[in-house]
Amino acid sequence: MTTQRLRIVPSQFAVEHLPNSTFPEDDEWIALVRAPEGLTAIREAPAWAEGEIWKGFYGDAAHSLNQPGMLAAVIGPLAECGIPVFVASTYHADLVLVPAHRLDEATDALRDAGHRIAE
């Protein structure tokens, strides 16, 4: 298995589905995915936000797009613990979001799998 150095992103996030949009009306988004059923937007959530809040892990070192197993090495241990994820991949690394209330459990699972976590 590929172990990685991950950091916990200090922000908290909201994931939104915008069924009738092709682009958000503002530029307050972190990542966008356009699909036939609409637009998915990941936004930084304010401290007072309601609804599902997510925290993120992001790789500390860029990896090649041809390097297999990088994402699987992170989401596998989380899946084994029953922790849901939402993922947005970049050219350099993957942003793996977990429900904020399960961040400590996710951190433990990733450390147990050999990953190094920086906070």
Protein backbone atom coordinates (compact mmCIF):
# COMPACT_ATOMS: atom_id res chain seq x y z
CA MET A 1 0.00 0.00 0.00
CA THR A 2 1.13 3.54 -0.73
CA THR A 3 1.46 5.60 2.44
CA GLN A 4 1.26 9.35 2.18
CA ARG A 5 1.87 12.54 4.09
CA LEU A 6 -1.51 14.22 4.46
CA ARG A 7 -2.50 17.44 6.09
CA ILE A 8 -5.84 18.41 7.52
CA VAL A 9 -7.09 21.46 5.64
CA PRO A 10 -7.92 24.16 8.21
CA SER A 11 -11.16 25.15 6.44
CA GLN A 12 -14.49 23.41 6.73
CA PHE A 13 -16.54 22.74 3.63
CA ALA A 14 -20.09 22.38 2.34
CA VAL A 15 -20.98 20.25 -0.68
CA GLU A 16 -23.92 21.56 -2.71
CA HIS A 17 -25.93 20.20 -5.61
CA LEU A 18 -27.15 22.93 -7.98
CA PRO A 19 -29.48 21.05 -10.36
CA ASN A 20 -30.28 23.92 -12.74
CA SER A 21 -26.89 25.62 -12.88
CA THR A 22 -24.09 25.43 -15.37
CA PHE A 23 -21.88 27.76 -13.31
CA PRO A 24 -22.36 29.29 -9.85
CA GLU A 25 -23.40 32.91 -9.57
CA ASP A 26 -20.41 33.73 -7.36
CA ASP A 27 -16.76 32.75 -7.17
CA GLU A 28 -16.81 31.46 -3.60
CA TRP A 29 -16.32 27.82 -4.61
CA ILE A 30 -13.30 25.55 -4.10
CA ALA A 31 -14.14 22.89 -6.70
CA LEU A 32 -16.86 22.35 -9.30
CA VAL A 33 -18.02 19.24 -11.12
CA ARG A 34 -20.52 19.55 -13.95
CA ALA A 35 -22.61 16.47 -14.72
CA PRO A 36 -25.84 15.77 -16.63
CA GLU A 37 -27.88 16.10 -13.41
CA GLY A 38 -26.45 19.53 -12.57
CA LEU A 39 -23.50 21.15 -10.87
CA THR A 40 -21.78 20.03 -7.68
CA ALA A 41 -19.93 22.76 -5.80
CA ILE A 42 -17.56 22.46 -2.86
CA ARG A 43 -17.48 25.70 -0.89
CA GLU A 44 -15.74 26.88 2.22
CA ALA A 45 -18.43 26.82 4.91
CA PRO A 46 -18.64 29.60 7.50
CA ALA A 47 -18.30 28.64 11.17
CA TRP A 48 -22.04 29.16 11.69
CA ALA A 49 -23.07 27.00 8.70
CA GLU A 50 -25.91 24.54 9.10
CA GLY A 51 -26.26 21.20 7.37
CA GLU A 52 -23.53 18.65 6.64
CA ILE A 53 -20.08 20.12 7.25
CA TRP A 54 -16.99 18.38 5.88
CA LYS A 55 -13.30 18.52 6.80
CA GLY A 56 -10.57 17.70 4.33
CA PHE A 57 -7.32 15.79 4.01
CA TYR A 58 -4.92 16.86 1.25
CA GLY A 59 -1.62 15.33 0.19
CA ASP A 60 1.53 17.20 1.22
CA ALA A 61 3.49 16.07 -1.83
CA ALA A 62 2.44 16.08 -5.46
CA HIS A 63 2.24 12.73 -7.19
CA SER A 64 2.19 11.75 -10.82
CA LEU A 65 -1.16 11.18 -12.48
CA ASN A 66 0.25 7.82 -13.58
CA GLN A 67 0.92 6.62 -10.04
CA PRO A 68 -1.80 4.05 -9.26
CA GLY A 69 -3.36 3.51 -5.87
CA MET A 70 -2.84 6.94 -4.32
CA LEU A 71 -6.53 7.68 -3.76
CA ALA A 72 -7.40 4.06 -2.96
CA ALA A 73 -4.74 4.06 -0.22
CA VAL A 74 -6.58 6.91 1.52
CA ILE A 75 -10.22 6.02 0.97
CA GLY A 76 -9.77 2.29 1.61
CA PRO A 77 -9.08 2.62 5.36
CA LEU A 78 -11.92 5.14 5.66
CA ALA A 79 -14.34 2.76 3.93
CA GLU A 80 -13.29 -0.06 6.25
CA CYS A 81 -14.35 2.15 9.19
CA GLY A 82 -17.64 3.09 7.50
CA ILE A 83 -16.63 6.75 7.12
CA PRO A 84 -18.25 8.45 4.11
CA VAL A 85 -16.05 10.50 1.79
CA PHE A 86 -16.44 13.08 -0.94
CA VAL A 87 -13.40 13.50 -3.18
CA ALA A 88 -12.20 16.22 -5.51
CA SER A 89 -8.99 15.45 -7.34
CA THR A 90 -6.49 18.04 -8.52
CA TYR A 91 -3.53 17.73 -10.81
CA HIS A 92 -1.24 17.25 -7.80
CA ALA A 93 -3.26 15.49 -5.10
CA ASP A 94 -6.72 14.55 -3.89
CA LEU A 95 -8.92 16.52 -1.51
CA VAL A 96 -10.66 13.85 0.56
CA LEU A 97 -13.57 15.22 2.58
CA VAL A 98 -15.06 13.43 5.59
CA PRO A 99 -17.96 14.52 7.79
CA ALA A 100 -16.55 17.03 10.30
CA HIS A 101 -17.96 15.13 13.28
CA ARG A 102 -15.91 12.07 12.21
CA LEU A 103 -12.59 13.85 11.65
CA ASP A 104 -10.88 12.34 14.70
CA GLU A 105 -12.02 8.84 13.75
CA ALA A 106 -10.85 9.37 10.16
CA THR A 107 -7.48 10.67 11.36
CA ASP A 108 -7.02 7.60 13.55
CA ALA A 109 -7.96 5.26 10.69
CA LEU A 110 -5.48 6.91 8.33
CA ARG A 111 -2.68 6.87 10.91
CA ASP A 112 -3.42 3.18 11.65
CA ALA A 113 -3.01 2.55 7.90
CA GLY A 114 0.46 4.11 8.00
CA HIS A 115 -0.28 7.60 6.70
CA ARG A 116 1.34 10.59 8.38
CA ILE A 117 -1.15 13.31 9.28
CA ALA A 118 -0.21 16.94 9.92
CA GLU A 119 -2.73 19.23 11.54
